[in-house]
PDB file of N, CA and C in Angstrom:
ATOM      1  N   MET A   1       4.183  -2.731  22.150  1.00  0.00           N
ATOM      2  CA  MET A   1       3.482  -2.967  21.079  1.00  0.00           C
ATOM      3  C   MET A   1       4.610  -3.558  19.903  1.00  0.00           C
ATOM      4  N   GLN A   2       4.239  -4.194  18.902  1.00  0.00           N
ATOM      5  CA  GLN A   2       5.101  -4.653  17.539  1.00  0.00           C
ATOM      6  C   GLN A   2       3.909  -4.477  16.332  1.00  0.00           C
ATOM      7  N   ALA A   3       5.128  -3.262  15.313  1.00  0.00           N
ATOM      8  CA  ALA A   3       4.479  -3.153  14.380  1.00  0.00           C
ATOM      9  C   ALA A   3       4.528  -3.634  13.084  1.00  0.00           C
ATOM     10  N   GLU A   4       3.111  -3.816  12.346  1.00  0.00           N
ATOM     11  CA  GLU A   4       2.751  -5.001  11.224  1.00  0.00           C
ATOM     12  C   GLU A   4       3.115  -4.234   9.545  1.00  0.00           C
ATOM     13  N   ILE A   5       4.548  -3.984   9.670  1.00  0.00           N
ATOM     14  CA  ILE A   5       4.394  -3.468   8.157  1.00  0.00           C
ATOM     15  C   ILE A   5       4.212  -4.358   6.650  1.00  0.00           C
ATOM     16  N   THR A   6       3.442  -4.445   5.806  1.00  0.00           N
ATOM     17  CA  THR A   6       3.487  -4.906   4.970  1.00  0.00           C
ATOM     18  C   THR A   6       3.672  -3.497   3.768  1.00  0.00           C
ATOM     19  N   THR A   7       3.273  -4.837   2.386  1.00  0.00           N
ATOM     20  CA  THR A   7       3.098  -3.830   1.586  1.00  0.00           C
ATOM     21  C   THR A   7       1.323  -4.301   0.269  1.00  0.00           C
ATOM     22  N   ILE A   8       1.345  -3.437  -0.105  1.00  0.00           N
ATOM     23  CA  ILE A   8       0.131  -4.182  -0.916  1.00  0.00           C
ATOM     24  C   ILE A   8       0.272  -5.312  -1.742  1.00  0.00           C
ATOM     25  N   PRO A   9       1.501  -5.193  -2.849  1.00  0.00           N
ATOM     26  CA  PRO A   9       1.641  -6.402  -3.053  1.00  0.00           C
ATOM     27  C   PRO A   9       1.118  -7.905  -1.968  1.00  0.00           C
ATOM     28  N   GLU A  10       1.896  -7.682  -1.012  1.00  0.00           N
ATOM     29  CA  GLU A  10       2.285  -8.778   0.043  1.00  0.00           C
ATOM     30  C   GLU A  10      -0.050  -9.030   0.558  1.00  0.00           C
ATOM     31  N   LEU A  11      -0.128  -7.552   0.518  1.00  0.00           N
ATOM     32  CA  LEU A  11      -1.545  -7.841   0.752  1.00  0.00           C
ATOM     33  C   LEU A  11      -2.449  -8.660  -0.583  1.00  0.00           C
ATOM     34  N   LEU A  12      -2.424  -9.128  -1.519  1.00  0.00           N
ATOM     35  CA  LEU A  12      -2.604  -9.015  -2.798  1.00  0.00           C
ATOM     36  C   LEU A  12      -2.639 -10.791  -2.655  1.00  0.00           C
ATOM     37  N   ILE A  13      -1.627 -10.892  -1.928  1.00  0.00           N
ATOM     38  CA  ILE A  13      -1.201 -12.378  -1.782  1.00  0.00           C
ATOM     39  C   ILE A  13      -2.245 -12.889  -1.240  1.00  0.00           C
ATOM     40  N   LYS A  14      -3.078 -12.872   0.063  1.00  0.00           N
ATOM     41  CA  LYS A  14      -3.190 -12.680   0.587  1.00  0.00           C
ATOM     42  C   LYS A  14      -5.395 -12.367   0.379  1.00  0.00           C
ATOM     43  N   ALA A  15      -4.981 -11.437  -0.490  1.00  0.00           N
ATOM     44  CA  ALA A  15      -6.323 -11.898  -0.830  1.00  0.00           C
ATOM     45  C   ALA A  15      -6.491 -12.257  -2.218  1.00  0.00           C
ATOM     46  N   ARG A  16      -5.870 -13.321  -3.082  1.00  0.00           N
ATOM     47  CA  ARG A  16      -5.602 -13.937  -3.863  1.00  0.00           C
ATOM     48  C   ARG A  16      -6.164 -12.998  -5.801  1.00  0.00           C
ATOM     49  N   GLY A  17      -5.456 -12.034  -5.132  1.00  0.00           N
ATOM     50  CA  GLY A  17      -5.319 -10.456  -6.189  1.00  0.00           C
ATOM     51  C   GLY A  17      -6.413 -10.293  -6.175  1.00  0.00           C
ATOM     52  N   ASN A  18      -7.357 -10.048  -4.864  1.00  0.00           N
ATOM     53  CA  ASN A  18      -8.571  -8.955  -5.130  1.00  0.00           C
ATOM     54  C   ASN A  18      -8.412  -7.496  -5.022  1.00  0.00           C
ATOM     55  N   GLN A  19      -8.437  -7.609  -6.158  1.00  0.00           N
ATOM     56  CA  GLN A  19      -8.134  -5.455  -5.525  1.00  0.00           C
ATOM     57  C   GLN A  19      -9.333  -4.688  -4.534  1.00  0.00           C
ATOM     58  N   THR A  20     -10.138  -5.458  -4.412  1.00  0.00           N
ATOM     59  CA  THR A  20     -11.304  -4.310  -4.728  1.00  0.00           C
ATOM     60  C   THR A  20     -11.590  -4.958  -3.207  1.00  0.00           C
ATOM     61  N   GLN A  21     -11.118  -6.527  -2.472  1.00  0.00           N
ATOM     62  CA  GLN A  21     -10.846  -6.623  -0.773  1.00  0.00           C
ATOM     63  C   GLN A  21      -9.724  -5.309  -0.290  1.00  0.00           C
ATOM     64  N   VAL A  22      -8.473  -5.861  -0.824  1.00  0.00           N
ATOM     65  CA  VAL A  22      -7.587  -5.091  -0.385  1.00  0.00           C
ATOM     66  C   VAL A  22      -7.937  -3.377  -0.005  1.00  0.00           C
ATOM     67  N   ALA A  23      -8.931  -3.038  -0.923  1.00  0.00           N
ATOM     68  CA  ALA A  23      -8.795  -1.504  -0.705  1.00  0.00           C
ATOM     69  C   ALA A  23     -10.379  -0.915   0.486  1.00  0.00           C
ATOM     70  N   ARG A  24     -10.843  -2.207   0.674  1.00  0.00           N
ATOM     71  CA  ARG A  24     -11.929  -2.947   1.582  1.00  0.00           C
ATOM     72  C   ARG A  24     -11.085  -2.681   3.043  1.00  0.00           C
ATOM     73  N   TRP A  25      -9.772  -3.498   2.959  1.00  0.00           N
ATOM     74  CA  TRP A  25      -8.651  -4.055   4.468  1.00  0.00           C
ATOM     75  C   TRP A  25      -8.344  -2.655   4.453  1.00  0.00           C
ATOM     76  N   LEU A  26      -7.789  -1.811   3.348  1.00  0.00           N
ATOM     77  CA  LEU A  26      -7.310  -0.671   3.710  1.00  0.00           C
ATOM     78  C   LEU A  26      -7.865   0.478   3.851  1.00  0.00           C
ATOM     79  N   ASN A  27      -9.233   0.585   3.534  1.00  0.00           N
ATOM     80  CA  ASN A  27     -10.350   1.748   3.564  1.00  0.00           C
ATOM     81  C   ASN A  27     -10.203   2.850   2.363  1.00  0.00           C
ATOM     82  N   CYS A  28      -9.329   2.437   0.937  1.00  0.00           N
ATOM     83  CA  CYS A  28      -9.211   3.571  -0.059  1.00  0.00           C
ATOM     84  C   CYS A  28      -9.959   3.286  -0.609  1.00  0.00           C
ATOM     85  N   ASN A  29      -9.484   3.869  -2.391  1.00  0.00           N
ATOM     86  CA  ASN A  29     -10.928   3.543  -3.260  1.00  0.00           C
ATOM     87  C   ASN A  29      -9.233   2.393  -4.499  1.00  0.00           C
ATOM     88  N   ARG A  30     -10.115   1.478  -4.695  1.00  0.00           N
ATOM     89  CA  ARG A  30      -9.606   0.370  -6.086  1.00  0.00           C
ATOM     90  C   ARG A  30      -8.472   0.993  -6.687  1.00  0.00           C
ATOM     91  N   GLY A  31      -8.779   2.145  -7.222  1.00  0.00           N
ATOM     92  CA  GLY A  31      -7.590   2.812  -8.140  1.00  0.00           C
ATOM     93  C   GLY A  31      -6.035   2.752  -7.821  1.00  0.00           C
ATOM     94  N   THR A  32      -6.000   3.537  -5.901  1.00  0.00           N
ATOM     95  CA  THR A  32      -5.126   4.127  -5.149  1.00  0.00           C
ATOM     96  C   THR A  32      -3.793   2.418  -5.157  1.00  0.00           C
ATOM     97  N   VAL A  33      -5.317   1.137  -4.969  1.00  0.00           N
ATOM     98  CA  VAL A  33      -4.155  -0.133  -4.718  1.00  0.00           C
ATOM     99  C   VAL A  33      -4.060   0.047  -6.206  1.00  0.00           C
ATOM    100  N   GLY A  34      -4.793  -0.207  -7.065  1.00  0.00           N
ATOM    101  CA  GLY A  34      -3.543  -0.252  -8.652  1.00  0.00           C
ATOM    102  C   GLY A  34      -2.914   0.165  -8.848  1.00  0.00           C
ATOM    103  N   LYS A  35      -2.494   1.517  -8.032  1.00  0.00           N
ATOM    104  CA  LYS A  35      -1.865   2.466  -8.372  1.00  0.00           C
ATOM    105  C   LYS A  35      -0.242   2.208  -7.550  1.00  0.00           C
ATOM    106  N   TYR A  36      -0.255   0.278  -6.722  1.00  0.00           N
ATOM    107  CA  TYR A  36       0.927   1.041  -5.861  1.00  0.00           C
ATOM    108  C   TYR A  36       1.022  -1.397  -6.461  1.00  0.00           C
ATOM    109  N   VAL A  37       0.433  -1.747  -7.396  1.00  0.00           N
ATOM    110  CA  VAL A  37       0.432  -3.230  -7.086  1.00  0.00           C
ATOM    111  C   VAL A  37       2.081  -3.375  -7.630  1.00  0.00           C
ATOM    112  N   THR A  38       2.581  -2.502  -8.271  1.00  0.00           N
ATOM    113  CA  THR A  38       4.286  -3.184  -9.225  1.00  0.00           C
ATOM    114  C   THR A  38       5.287  -2.579  -7.581  1.00  0.00           C
ATOM    115  N   ASP A  39       4.952  -1.639  -6.840  1.00  0.00           N
ATOM    116  CA  ASP A  39       5.294  -1.733  -5.651  1.00  0.00           C
ATOM    117  C   ASP A  39       5.851  -2.609  -4.809  1.00  0.00           C
ATOM    118  N   VAL A  40       6.821  -3.658  -5.002  1.00  0.00           N
ATOM    119  CA  VAL A  40       7.371  -4.934  -4.413  1.00  0.00           C
ATOM    120  C   VAL A  40       8.144  -4.335  -3.593  1.00  0.00           C
ATOM    121  N   LYS A  41       8.723  -3.270  -3.615  1.00  0.00           N
ATOM    122  CA  LYS A  41      10.073  -2.678  -2.658  1.00  0.00           C
ATOM    123  C   LYS A  41       8.851  -1.687  -1.698  1.00  0.00           C
ATOM    124  N   ALA A  42       9.003  -1.229  -1.797  1.00  0.00           N
ATOM    125  CA  ALA A  42       7.949  -0.301  -0.856  1.00  0.00           C
ATOM    126  C   ALA A  42       8.781   0.665  -0.755  1.00  0.00           C
ATOM    127  N   GLU A  43       8.282   1.078  -2.706  1.00  0.00           N
ATOM    128  CA  GLU A  43       9.410   2.485  -2.919  1.00  0.00           C
ATOM    129  C   GLU A  43       8.169   3.946  -2.089  1.00  0.00           C
ATOM    130  N   SER A  44       7.438   4.046  -2.997  1.00  0.00           N
ATOM    131  CA  SER A  44       6.282   4.518  -2.985  1.00  0.00           C
ATOM    132  C   SER A  44       5.006   4.744  -1.692  1.00  0.00           C
ATOM    133  N   HIS A  45       5.121   3.736  -1.598  1.00  0.00           N
ATOM    134  CA  HIS A  45       4.390   2.970  -0.527  1.00  0.00           C
ATOM    135  C   HIS A  45       4.735   2.067   0.570  1.00  0.00           C
ATOM    136  N   VAL A  46       4.075   2.079   1.646  1.00  0.00           N
ATOM    137  CA  VAL A  46       4.309   1.190   2.804  1.00  0.00           C
ATOM    138  C   VAL A  46       2.718   0.952   3.550  1.00  0.00           C
ATOM    139  N   ILE A  47       2.542  -0.116   4.312  1.00  0.00           N
ATOM    140  CA  ILE A  47       1.271  -0.289   5.001  1.00  0.00           C
ATOM    141  C   ILE A  47       1.663  -1.002   6.785  1.00  0.00           C
ATOM    142  N   ILE A  48       1.500   0.888   7.985  1.00  0.00           N
ATOM    143  CA  ILE A  48       1.668   0.091   9.103  1.00  0.00           C
ATOM    144  C   ILE A  48       0.483   0.210   9.654  1.00  0.00           C
ATOM    145  N   ASN A  49      -0.133  -1.486  10.505  1.00  0.00           N
ATOM    146  CA  ASN A  49      -0.507  -1.124  11.222  1.00  0.00           C
ATOM    147  C   ASN A  49      -2.070  -1.445  10.450  1.00  0.00           C
ATOM    148  N   GLY A  50      -1.836  -1.462   9.125  1.00  0.00           N
ATOM    149  CA  GLY A  50      -3.125  -1.148   8.375  1.00  0.00           C
ATOM    150  C   GLY A  50      -3.490   0.340   7.995  1.00  0.00           C
ATOM    151  N   ARG A  51      -2.203   0.858   8.004  1.00  0.00           N
ATOM    152  CA  ARG A  51      -2.614   2.411   7.895  1.00  0.00           C
ATOM    153  C   ARG A  51      -2.105   2.020   6.529  1.00  0.00           C
ATOM    154  N   LEU A  52      -2.675   2.753   5.364  1.00  0.00           N
ATOM    155  CA  LEU A  52      -1.913   2.734   4.243  1.00  0.00           C
ATOM    156  C   LEU A  52      -1.191   4.511   3.654  1.00  0.00           C
ATOM    157  N   MET A  53       0.404   4.339   4.200  1.00  0.00           N
ATOM    158  CA  MET A  53       1.269   5.014   4.046  1.00  0.00           C
ATOM    159  C   MET A  53       1.633   5.655   2.668  1.00  0.00           C
ATOM    160  N   VAL A  54       1.797   6.818   2.202  1.00  0.00           N
ATOM    161  CA  VAL A  54       2.468   6.862   0.256  1.00  0.00           C
ATOM    162  C   VAL A  54       3.690   7.890   0.644  1.00  0.00           C
ATOM    163  N   THR A  55       4.634   8.543  -1.012  1.00  0.00           N
ATOM    164  CA  THR A  55       5.357   9.150  -0.509  1.00  0.00           C
ATOM    165  C   THR A  55       4.238  10.162  -1.500  1.00  0.00           C
ATOM    166  N   HIS A  56       4.866  12.050  -1.454  1.00  0.00           N
ATOM    167  CA  HIS A  56       4.302  12.935  -1.954  1.00  0.00           C
ATOM    168  C   HIS A  56       4.857  12.238  -3.962  1.00  0.00           C
ATOM    169  N   SER A  57       4.004  12.176  -4.311  1.00  0.00           N
ATOM    170  CA  SER A  57       4.304  12.248  -6.058  1.00  0.00           C
ATOM    171  C   SER A  57       5.404  13.334  -6.639  1.00  0.00           C
ATOM    172  N   SER A  58       5.411  14.280  -5.739  1.00  0.00           N
ATOM    173  CA  SER A  58       6.870  14.647  -7.223  1.00  0.00           C
ATOM    174  C   SER A  58       7.796  13.825  -6.788  1.00  0.00           C
ATOM    175  N   GLY A  59       8.123  13.554  -5.443  1.00  0.00           N
ATOM    176  CA  GLY A  59       9.469  13.034  -5.566  1.00  0.00           C
ATOM    177  C   GLY A  59      10.859  13.873  -4.714  1.00  0.00           C
ATOM    178  N   ARG A  60      10.320  14.692  -4.584  1.00  0.00           N
ATOM    179  CA  ARG A  60      11.042  15.923  -4.094  1.00  0.00           C
ATOM    180  C   ARG A  60      11.528  16.676  -2.752  1.00  0.00           C
ATOM    181  N   VAL A  61      12.701  16.227  -1.919  1.00  0.00           N
ATOM    182  CA  VAL A  61      13.090  16.804  -0.888  1.00  0.00           C
ATOM    183  C   VAL A  61      12.426  18.104  -0.289  1.00  0.00           C
ATOM    184  N   SER A  62      12.179  18.504   0.094  1.00  0.00           N
ATOM    185  CA  SER A  62      12.177  19.689   0.298  1.00  0.00           C
ATOM    186  C   SER A  62      13.099  20.199   1.586  1.00  0.00           C
ATOM    187  N   LYS A  63      13.659  20.983   2.102  1.00  0.00           N
ATOM    188  CA  LYS A  63      14.582  21.776   2.700  1.00  0.00           C
ATOM    189  C   LYS A  63      14.167  22.684   3.894  1.00  0.00           C
TER     190      LYS A  63
END
């Protein structure tokens, strides 16, 4: 099975900028989509097979 990896900015291109539509596709809040609009390098989020995965807000690595 091939994994489909994308980002919110890429989905916004497909949705012609419609954040509400992207939120529906990801089954999340529109505010969450807006939070990651500028993350084009996928440093704090990634979408794998339609599932949104995000990093923790603290950004610290626990050992």
